[in-house]
Amino acid sequence: MWTFDAVATLPLWRPAPPRDAGHAALAFTTRAGGVSDPPYDRLNLGRSTSDRPAAVAENRRRVLLALGIAPERLATAGQVHGLTVARVTGPGHFDACDALVTTLPGVALAVAGADCLPILYVSPRAVAAAHSGWRGTAAGMPAVALRAVCGAGGVAASEVEVHFGPCIRACCYEVGGEVARQFPPAAVARAGDSWRLDLAHAARLALLEGGARVIEDTGACTACRRDLYYSHRRDHGLTGRQWGVIALRPQRTAREGERAV
């Protein structure tokens, strides 16, 4: 289950207790709680936009500190709508990939979006973040990232928890037949001369086929809520970016555990 505190200084989607205190820190952001000016107001996290770099840096700092992560311990993806998963061994920007996976505690993996589906993967020894638009989803990114987590963490797909963040939903995602034909019939619905694409359901179907058993979804639509989310389609490209972000928490030693009792 995911919870959203709309009145917090920095509103974030967070796992509901007790999962919020687990071995991974993870969240999905909104556009609220930052310092960016219109049209990027307020919590724009995308450096690819024309927003002030200082504003984006401050927004990123706020999110990472809220998760208990040092701002300099950030890894980001270039996001080219492909299938490449980068293995992260330290902070930095990883070009030409759409997913990041790591077994290193304390490094935040972040993917940005403004309609595309952000997916976070949690396993006992590895975590991942994936950016999956319609092209990536049709090509298999959800399952590709799942396999990367399984390989990195040495776990079965059934041991990986998968989480979907805010994205454009079927209520707002009108596509043509050339796009609709690339998805299972269960993920598209006829709407007059066009189709409605359920991106999250398409990703869910692929993950279930790949062996995932726990798939949770915020259910939030980026296009519906102008007050809460950036939407590339709704805003005709002039908009900010929100994040899906995840990090393994450092494991406490036995002595540290004794001191906490």
Protein backbone atom coordinates (compact mmCIF):
# COMPACT_ATOMS: atom_id res chain seq x y z
CA MET A 1 0.00 0.00 0.00
CA TRP A 2 1.06 3.56 -0.73
CA THR A 3 0.09 6.66 1.20
CA PHE A 4 0.14 10.31 0.22
CA ASP A 5 0.37 13.18 2.72
CA ALA A 6 -1.07 16.13 0.81
CA VAL A 7 -0.50 18.61 3.64
CA ALA A 8 3.17 17.83 4.27
CA THR A 9 5.80 20.48 3.54
CA LEU A 10 7.14 18.07 0.91
CA PRO A 11 4.22 15.90 -0.23
CA LEU A 12 5.46 12.48 -1.31
CA TRP A 13 3.99 9.09 -2.08
CA ARG A 14 5.53 6.77 0.53
CA PRO A 15 5.00 3.11 1.44
CA ALA A 16 2.51 2.64 4.25
CA PRO A 17 3.84 1.36 7.60
CA PRO A 18 5.50 -0.98 8.32
CA ARG A 19 7.06 -1.09 4.84
CA ASP A 20 8.24 2.51 5.17
CA ALA A 21 10.77 1.28 7.75
CA GLY A 22 12.05 -1.62 5.64
CA HIS A 23 15.47 -2.19 4.12
CA ALA A 24 14.81 0.22 1.22
CA ALA A 25 13.81 3.89 1.16
CA LEU A 26 11.51 4.68 -1.76
CA ALA A 27 9.13 7.40 -2.88
CA PHE A 28 7.32 8.99 -5.77
CA THR A 29 7.30 12.77 -5.92
CA THR A 30 4.70 15.32 -7.02
CA ARG A 31 5.10 18.91 -8.22
CA ALA A 32 4.48 20.33 -4.72
CA GLY A 33 7.04 21.46 -2.16
CA GLY A 34 9.82 22.95 -4.31
CA VAL A 35 11.22 26.29 -5.44
CA SER A 36 10.84 26.28 -9.24
CA ASP A 37 8.96 29.07 -11.00
CA PRO A 38 6.15 28.56 -13.58
CA PRO A 39 5.75 26.64 -15.78
CA TYR A 40 7.92 24.27 -13.72
CA ASP A 41 6.36 25.11 -10.37
CA ARG A 42 7.27 23.86 -7.85
CA LEU A 43 9.21 20.59 -7.36
CA ASN A 44 10.70 20.12 -10.82
CA LEU A 45 13.47 17.48 -10.68
CA GLY A 46 14.36 17.37 -14.37
CA ARG A 47 17.66 18.82 -15.51
CA SER A 48 16.63 18.29 -19.13
CA THR A 49 14.10 21.12 -18.78
CA SER A 50 14.76 24.85 -19.14
CA ASP A 51 14.22 25.42 -15.43
CA ARG A 52 16.87 27.23 -13.39
CA PRO A 53 19.61 24.68 -12.56
CA ALA A 54 19.85 26.04 -9.01
CA ALA A 55 16.13 25.43 -8.48
CA VAL A 56 16.36 21.84 -9.76
CA ALA A 57 19.38 21.21 -7.51
CA GLU A 58 17.53 22.53 -4.47
CA ASN A 59 14.45 20.47 -5.29
CA ARG A 60 16.55 17.33 -5.62
CA ARG A 61 18.29 18.10 -2.32
CA ARG A 62 14.95 18.38 -0.53
CA VAL A 63 13.69 15.04 -1.83
CA LEU A 64 16.86 13.14 -1.00
CA LEU A 65 17.14 14.59 2.50
CA ALA A 66 13.50 13.70 3.14
CA LEU A 67 14.45 10.09 2.39
CA GLY A 68 17.54 10.22 4.60
CA ILE A 69 19.94 10.10 1.65
CA ALA A 70 22.93 12.38 1.17
CA PRO A 71 22.28 14.57 -1.92
CA GLU A 72 25.67 13.70 -3.41
CA ARG A 73 24.75 9.98 -3.39
CA LEU A 74 22.46 10.18 -6.43
CA ALA A 75 22.42 8.10 -9.61
CA THR A 76 20.26 9.14 -12.57
CA ALA A 77 19.46 7.64 -15.98
CA GLY A 78 19.73 9.24 -19.43
CA GLN A 79 16.30 7.83 -20.45
CA VAL A 80 16.23 7.18 -24.16
CA HIS A 81 13.10 4.95 -24.33
CA GLY A 82 15.23 1.83 -24.70
CA LEU A 83 15.85 -1.40 -22.80
CA THR A 84 19.29 -0.83 -21.30
CA VAL A 85 19.72 -1.35 -17.55
CA ALA A 86 22.84 0.19 -15.99
CA ARG A 87 24.53 -1.51 -13.02
CA VAL A 88 25.22 1.27 -10.52
CA THR A 89 28.36 1.01 -8.38
CA GLY A 90 28.39 4.64 -7.28
CA PRO A 91 26.65 7.98 -7.79
CA GLY A 92 26.58 9.71 -11.17
CA HIS A 93 24.62 10.11 -14.39
CA PHE A 94 24.31 7.03 -16.58
CA ASP A 95 23.71 7.87 -20.23
CA ALA A 96 21.81 5.78 -22.77
CA CYS A 97 19.85 3.71 -20.26
CA ASP A 98 16.29 3.65 -18.94
CA ALA A 99 16.77 1.64 -15.77
CA LEU A 100 19.26 1.49 -12.92
CA VAL A 101 20.01 -1.40 -10.58
CA THR A 102 22.31 -1.58 -7.57
CA THR A 103 23.32 -3.68 -4.58
CA LEU A 104 25.14 -0.74 -3.00
CA PRO A 105 23.44 0.72 0.11
CA GLY A 106 23.01 4.46 0.41
CA VAL A 107 22.94 5.29 -3.31
CA ALA A 108 19.65 6.72 -4.58
CA LEU A 109 18.44 5.56 -8.00
CA ALA A 110 16.10 8.08 -9.64
CA VAL A 111 14.10 8.03 -12.85
CA ALA A 112 12.21 11.09 -14.07
CA GLY A 113 8.92 11.34 -15.90
CA ALA A 114 5.96 13.49 -16.84
CA ASP A 115 3.53 10.80 -18.04
CA CYS A 116 5.78 7.76 -18.48
CA LEU A 117 5.50 5.04 -15.84
CA PRO A 118 8.15 5.06 -13.08
CA ILE A 119 8.69 1.56 -11.67
CA LEU A 120 10.58 0.74 -8.46
CA TYR A 121 11.80 -2.75 -7.62
CA VAL A 122 12.67 -3.96 -4.11
CA SER A 123 14.45 -7.18 -3.17
CA PRO A 124 16.49 -8.08 -0.07
CA ARG A 125 19.87 -7.38 -1.71
CA ALA A 126 19.15 -5.29 -4.79
CA VAL A 127 16.88 -2.43 -5.87
CA ALA A 128 16.10 -0.86 -9.22
CA ALA A 129 14.30 2.07 -10.81
CA ALA A 130 12.94 1.96 -14.36
CA HIS A 131 11.46 4.53 -16.73
CA SER A 132 8.83 2.90 -18.94
CA GLY A 133 6.89 4.92 -21.50
CA TRP A 134 4.75 3.29 -24.13
CA ARG A 135 7.76 2.39 -26.27
CA GLY A 136 9.67 0.85 -23.38
CA THR A 137 6.62 -0.96 -22.07
CA ALA A 138 5.79 -2.39 -25.49
CA ALA A 139 9.40 -3.51 -25.91
CA GLY A 140 9.50 -5.21 -22.50
CA MET A 141 11.23 -2.83 -20.09
CA PRO A 142 9.20 -3.85 -16.99
CA ALA A 143 10.30 -7.49 -17.30
CA VAL A 144 13.85 -6.59 -18.41
CA ALA A 145 14.37 -4.56 -15.24
CA LEU A 146 12.83 -7.34 -13.15
CA ARG A 147 15.36 -9.83 -14.52
CA ALA A 148 18.17 -7.36 -13.80
CA VAL A 149 17.13 -7.15 -10.14
CA CYS A 150 16.93 -10.93 -9.90
CA GLY A 151 20.41 -11.28 -11.37
CA ALA A 152 21.95 -8.58 -9.20
CA GLY A 153 20.33 -9.73 -5.98
CA GLY A 154 20.40 -13.48 -6.58
CA VAL A 155 16.66 -13.81 -6.01
CA ALA A 156 13.66 -15.25 -7.80
CA ALA A 157 11.17 -12.92 -9.47
CA SER A 158 8.58 -13.89 -6.85
CA GLU A 159 10.82 -12.34 -4.16
CA VAL A 160 10.84 -8.91 -5.80
CA GLU A 161 8.26 -6.27 -4.85
CA VAL A 162 7.31 -3.96 -7.71
CA HIS A 163 5.79 -0.50 -7.31
CA PHE A 164 4.14 1.79 -9.89
CA GLY A 165 4.18 5.55 -9.49
CA PRO A 166 2.05 8.30 -10.99
CA CYS A 167 1.75 8.11 -14.78
CA ILE A 168 -0.79 8.93 -17.46
CA ARG A 169 -3.71 6.53 -17.12
CA ALA A 170 -6.26 5.10 -19.53
CA CYS A 171 -8.70 7.89 -18.68
CA CYS A 172 -6.39 10.38 -20.41
CA TYR A 173 -4.14 8.33 -22.69
CA GLU A 174 -5.55 8.36 -26.19
CA VAL A 175 -3.42 6.61 -28.81
CA GLY A 176 -3.70 5.57 -32.43
CA GLY A 177 -4.12 2.07 -33.74
CA GLU A 178 -0.42 1.76 -34.59
CA VAL A 179 0.40 2.09 -30.89
CA ALA A 180 -2.57 0.10 -29.59
CA ARG A 181 -1.64 -2.90 -31.72
CA GLN A 182 1.65 -3.27 -29.81
CA PHE A 183 -0.15 -4.05 -26.55
CA PRO A 184 -2.26 -6.94 -25.23
CA PRO A 185 -6.00 -6.49 -25.82
CA ALA A 186 -6.54 -6.30 -22.04
CA ALA A 187 -4.48 -3.08 -21.90
CA VAL A 188 -6.37 -1.11 -24.57
CA ALA A 189 -9.97 -0.07 -25.08
CA ARG A 190 -11.69 1.37 -28.13
CA ALA A 191 -12.64 5.05 -27.84
CA GLY A 192 -14.36 6.14 -31.06
CA ASP A 193 -11.74 6.37 -33.80
CA SER A 194 -8.87 5.97 -31.34
CA TRP A 195 -7.86 3.83 -28.39
CA ARG A 196 -7.26 4.28 -24.67
CA LEU A 197 -4.01 2.74 -23.44
CA ASP A 198 -3.67 1.48 -19.87
CA LEU A 199 0.10 1.68 -19.54
CA ALA A 200 0.21 0.47 -15.95
CA HIS A 201 -1.93 -2.57 -16.72
CA ALA A 202 0.27 -3.48 -19.66
CA ALA A 203 3.31 -3.32 -17.37
CA ARG A 204 1.51 -5.40 -14.74
CA LEU A 205 0.69 -8.13 -17.27
CA ALA A 206 4.32 -8.32 -18.38
CA LEU A 207 5.58 -8.50 -14.80
CA LEU A 208 3.14 -11.22 -13.82
CA GLU A 209 4.23 -13.23 -16.84
CA GLY A 210 7.83 -12.68 -15.72
CA GLY A 211 7.14 -14.17 -12.29
CA ALA A 212 6.46 -11.13 -10.11
CA ARG A 213 3.83 -11.68 -7.43
CA VAL A 214 3.69 -8.43 -5.44
CA ILE A 215 2.83 -5.41 -7.62
CA GLU A 216 1.53 -2.26 -5.95
CA ASP A 217 0.33 0.92 -7.61
CA THR A 218 -0.30 4.47 -6.45
CA GLY A 219 -3.07 4.65 -9.05
CA ALA A 220 -2.37 8.35 -9.65
CA CYS A 221 -2.88 9.91 -13.09
CA THR A 222 -0.42 12.64 -14.06
CA ALA A 223 -2.71 14.15 -16.70
CA CYS A 224 -5.78 14.42 -14.45
CA ARG A 225 -4.22 16.45 -11.65
CA ARG A 226 -2.57 19.64 -12.87
CA ASP A 227 -2.16 20.74 -9.24
CA LEU A 228 -0.12 17.68 -8.29
CA TYR A 229 1.71 16.34 -11.34
CA TYR A 230 3.62 17.32 -14.43
CA SER A 231 2.18 15.95 -17.68
CA HIS A 232 4.02 16.18 -20.97
CA ARG A 233 0.86 15.49 -22.97
CA ARG A 234 -1.45 17.83 -21.07
CA ASP A 235 1.10 20.66 -20.95
CA HIS A 236 2.25 20.24 -24.58
CA GLY A 237 5.82 19.48 -23.54
CA LEU A 238 6.42 22.63 -21.48
CA THR A 239 6.49 21.06 -18.05
CA GLY A 240 8.67 19.69 -15.27
CA ARG A 241 9.54 16.17 -14.17
CA GLN A 242 8.71 14.10 -11.12
CA TRP A 243 10.75 11.21 -9.76
CA GLY A 244 10.55 7.62 -8.74
CA VAL A 245 13.46 7.19 -6.33
CA ILE A 246 14.79 4.26 -4.32
CA ALA A 247 17.84 3.32 -2.25
CA LEU A 248 18.95 0.37 -0.17
CA ARG A 249 19.32 1.40 3.44
CA PRO A 250 22.68 0.55 5.06
CA GLN A 251 22.33 -2.55 7.21
CA ARG A 252 22.77 -1.99 10.89
CA THR A 253 25.35 -4.05 12.70
CA ALA A 254 24.37 -6.23 15.66
CA ARG A 255 25.96 -3.71 18.04
CA GLU A 256 23.99 -0.85 16.50
CA GLY A 257 20.82 -2.90 16.91
CA GLU A 258 21.62 -3.47 20.59
CA ARG A 259 22.08 0.28 21.15
CA ALA A 260 18.71 0.98 19.52
CA VAL A 261 16.85 -1.33 21.93
